[in-house]
N, C-alpha and C. Protein backbone atom coordinates (compact mmCIF):
# COMPACT_ATOMS: atom_id res chain seq x y z
N MET A 1 76.12 -226.00 -6.68
CA MET A 1 75.25 -225.49 -5.84
C MET A 1 75.30 -226.28 -4.53
N PRO A 2 75.49 -225.32 -3.50
CA PRO A 2 75.72 -226.14 -2.24
C PRO A 2 74.19 -227.31 -1.81
N ALA A 3 74.78 -228.25 -0.97
CA ALA A 3 73.76 -229.09 -0.47
C ALA A 3 73.09 -228.79 0.69
N VAL A 4 71.53 -229.17 0.64
CA VAL A 4 71.05 -228.14 1.85
C VAL A 4 71.15 -229.33 2.72
N LYS A 5 71.49 -229.20 4.11
CA LYS A 5 71.21 -230.11 5.13
C LYS A 5 70.16 -230.12 5.83
N LYS A 6 69.60 -231.14 5.73
CA LYS A 6 68.36 -231.19 6.30
C LYS A 6 68.27 -231.68 7.94
N GLU A 7 67.57 -230.74 8.77
CA GLU A 7 68.01 -230.83 9.99
C GLU A 7 67.17 -231.82 10.80
N THR A 8 67.50 -232.42 11.73
CA THR A 8 66.69 -233.57 12.41
C THR A 8 65.88 -233.04 13.41
N LEU A 9 64.38 -233.10 13.59
CA LEU A 9 63.57 -233.04 14.00
C LEU A 9 63.19 -233.94 15.31
N LEU A 10 62.88 -233.32 16.51
CA LEU A 10 62.52 -234.00 17.79
C LEU A 10 61.23 -233.91 18.04
N ARG A 11 60.86 -235.21 18.90
CA ARG A 11 59.60 -235.29 19.30
C ARG A 11 59.42 -234.51 20.47
N SER A 12 58.39 -234.31 20.88
CA SER A 12 58.18 -233.64 22.17
C SER A 12 58.31 -234.60 23.63
N LYS A 13 58.58 -235.85 23.28
CA LYS A 13 58.97 -236.82 24.39
C LYS A 13 60.71 -236.56 24.39
N ASP A 14 61.29 -236.26 22.93
CA ASP A 14 62.84 -236.50 23.18
C ASP A 14 62.98 -234.78 23.91
N VAL A 15 62.18 -233.84 23.35
CA VAL A 15 62.73 -232.29 23.84
C VAL A 15 62.30 -232.55 25.33
N ALA A 16 61.18 -233.21 26.19
CA ALA A 16 60.97 -233.47 27.46
C ALA A 16 61.87 -234.20 28.15
N HIS A 17 62.36 -235.24 27.35
CA HIS A 17 63.90 -235.59 28.33
C HIS A 17 65.20 -234.68 28.16
N ILE A 18 65.55 -233.85 27.09
CA ILE A 18 66.33 -233.00 26.93
C ILE A 18 66.20 -231.84 28.47
N LEU A 19 65.00 -231.21 28.37
CA LEU A 19 64.52 -230.20 29.49
C LEU A 19 64.21 -230.87 30.62
N ASP A 20 63.95 -232.05 30.50
CA ASP A 20 63.59 -232.43 32.52
C ASP A 20 62.26 -232.22 32.60
N LEU A 21 61.30 -232.27 31.73
CA LEU A 21 59.96 -231.49 31.66
C LEU A 21 58.82 -232.70 31.29
N PRO A 22 57.46 -233.01 31.14
CA PRO A 22 56.49 -233.79 31.21
C PRO A 22 56.53 -233.71 29.47
N PRO A 23 56.12 -234.26 28.64
CA PRO A 23 55.97 -234.11 27.10
C PRO A 23 54.60 -233.04 27.23
N ASP A 24 53.40 -233.34 28.08
CA ASP A 24 52.42 -232.06 28.04
C ASP A 24 52.92 -230.97 28.04
N ASP A 25 54.15 -230.55 29.05
CA ASP A 25 54.61 -229.41 29.37
C ASP A 25 55.17 -228.56 28.13
N VAL A 26 56.16 -229.70 27.42
CA VAL A 26 56.71 -228.52 26.25
C VAL A 26 55.67 -228.68 25.21
N ILE A 27 54.65 -229.41 25.13
CA ILE A 27 53.66 -228.61 23.98
C ILE A 27 52.78 -227.57 24.65
N TYR A 28 52.79 -227.38 25.71
CA TYR A 28 52.28 -226.56 26.20
C TYR A 28 53.08 -225.07 25.69
N LEU A 29 53.98 -225.29 26.29
CA LEU A 29 55.13 -224.07 26.02
C LEU A 29 55.11 -223.98 24.43
N ALA A 30 55.12 -225.14 23.71
CA ALA A 30 55.17 -224.40 22.09
C ALA A 30 53.82 -223.88 21.68
N ARG A 31 52.58 -224.47 22.52
CA ARG A 31 51.40 -223.48 21.92
C ARG A 31 51.63 -222.13 22.21
N LYS A 32 52.08 -221.85 23.82
CA LYS A 32 52.28 -220.33 24.06
C LYS A 32 53.32 -219.63 23.06
N GLY A 33 53.88 -220.53 22.53
CA GLY A 33 55.24 -219.57 21.95
C GLY A 33 56.35 -219.35 22.46
N LYS A 34 56.45 -220.18 23.77
CA LYS A 34 57.87 -220.16 24.36
C LYS A 34 58.67 -220.65 23.69
N ILE A 35 58.48 -221.57 23.21
CA ILE A 35 59.55 -222.78 22.65
C ILE A 35 59.18 -222.73 21.24
N ARG A 36 60.06 -222.64 20.40
CA ARG A 36 59.60 -223.25 18.68
C ARG A 36 59.47 -224.34 18.50
N GLY A 37 58.38 -224.51 17.60
CA GLY A 37 58.23 -225.80 17.17
C GLY A 37 57.36 -225.81 16.08
N VAL A 38 56.90 -227.06 15.39
CA VAL A 38 56.00 -226.90 14.34
C VAL A 38 54.87 -228.37 14.68
N LYS A 39 53.71 -228.07 14.49
CA LYS A 39 52.88 -229.38 14.40
C LYS A 39 52.58 -230.07 13.02
N GLU A 40 53.12 -230.97 12.98
CA GLU A 40 53.01 -231.70 11.77
C GLU A 40 51.74 -232.70 11.95
N GLY A 41 50.64 -232.71 11.42
CA GLY A 41 49.38 -233.72 11.57
C GLY A 41 49.05 -233.26 13.38
N LYS A 42 49.52 -234.26 13.94
CA LYS A 42 49.02 -234.53 15.46
C LYS A 42 50.40 -234.28 16.26
N TYR A 43 51.29 -234.13 15.67
CA TYR A 43 52.23 -233.86 16.36
C TYR A 43 53.38 -232.93 16.39
N TRP A 44 53.89 -232.53 17.40
CA TRP A 44 54.89 -231.19 17.38
C TRP A 44 56.33 -231.98 17.11
N LYS A 45 57.01 -230.96 16.51
CA LYS A 45 58.48 -231.13 16.18
C LYS A 45 59.04 -229.92 16.51
N PHE A 46 60.18 -230.58 16.90
CA PHE A 46 61.40 -229.43 17.29
C PHE A 46 62.64 -229.49 17.11
N ARG A 47 63.09 -228.17 16.70
CA ARG A 47 64.82 -228.59 15.96
C ARG A 47 65.39 -228.37 17.25
N LEU A 48 66.60 -229.27 17.45
CA LEU A 48 67.34 -229.14 18.43
C LEU A 48 67.93 -227.46 19.06
N ARG A 49 68.69 -227.20 17.50
CA ARG A 49 68.89 -225.78 18.24
C ARG A 49 67.95 -225.10 19.00
N ASP A 50 66.85 -225.04 18.32
CA ASP A 50 65.32 -223.93 19.05
C ASP A 50 65.42 -224.76 20.83
N VAL A 51 65.81 -225.88 20.79
CA VAL A 51 65.61 -226.48 22.50
C VAL A 51 66.60 -226.09 23.18
N LYS A 52 67.68 -225.93 22.92
CA LYS A 52 68.90 -225.53 23.21
C LYS A 52 68.50 -223.70 23.62
N TYR A 53 68.26 -222.96 22.56
CA TYR A 53 67.92 -221.40 22.80
C TYR A 53 67.06 -221.67 23.78
N TYR A 54 66.05 -222.06 23.71
CA TYR A 54 65.13 -222.19 25.09
C TYR A 54 66.01 -222.47 26.51
N GLN A 55 66.71 -223.53 26.53
CA GLN A 55 67.32 -224.05 27.39
C GLN A 55 68.42 -222.95 27.83
N LYS A 56 68.90 -222.41 27.42
CA LYS A 56 69.92 -221.11 27.34
C LYS A 56 69.19 -219.54 27.97
N LYS A 57 68.02 -219.54 27.48
CA LYS A 57 67.27 -218.52 28.19
C LYS A 57 66.72 -218.67 29.46
N LEU A 58 66.67 -220.27 29.76
CA LEU A 58 65.78 -220.36 31.21
C LEU A 58 67.29 -220.08 32.23
N GLN A 59 68.14 -220.95 31.75
CA GLN A 59 69.88 -220.63 32.79
C GLN A 59 69.83 -219.18 32.88
N ALA A 60 69.71 -218.06 31.76
CA ALA A 60 69.83 -216.57 31.75
C ALA A 60 68.93 -215.86 33.01
N ASP A 61 67.73 -216.66 32.80
CA ASP A 61 66.80 -215.63 33.89
C ASP A 61 67.04 -216.08 35.37
């Protein structure tokens, strides 16, 4: 049985740094469904691949 690789989740401030946006804007995008994220308690978490996908979409537009 293959081992399941646990993916590292990023915080909104990490995503904000990658996308050069304020953390509040990242949370707004997540709430609007523009970038995939999951809310765990009071914090938003994001997968790096979802952030990179969003970044690529921005560059294509």
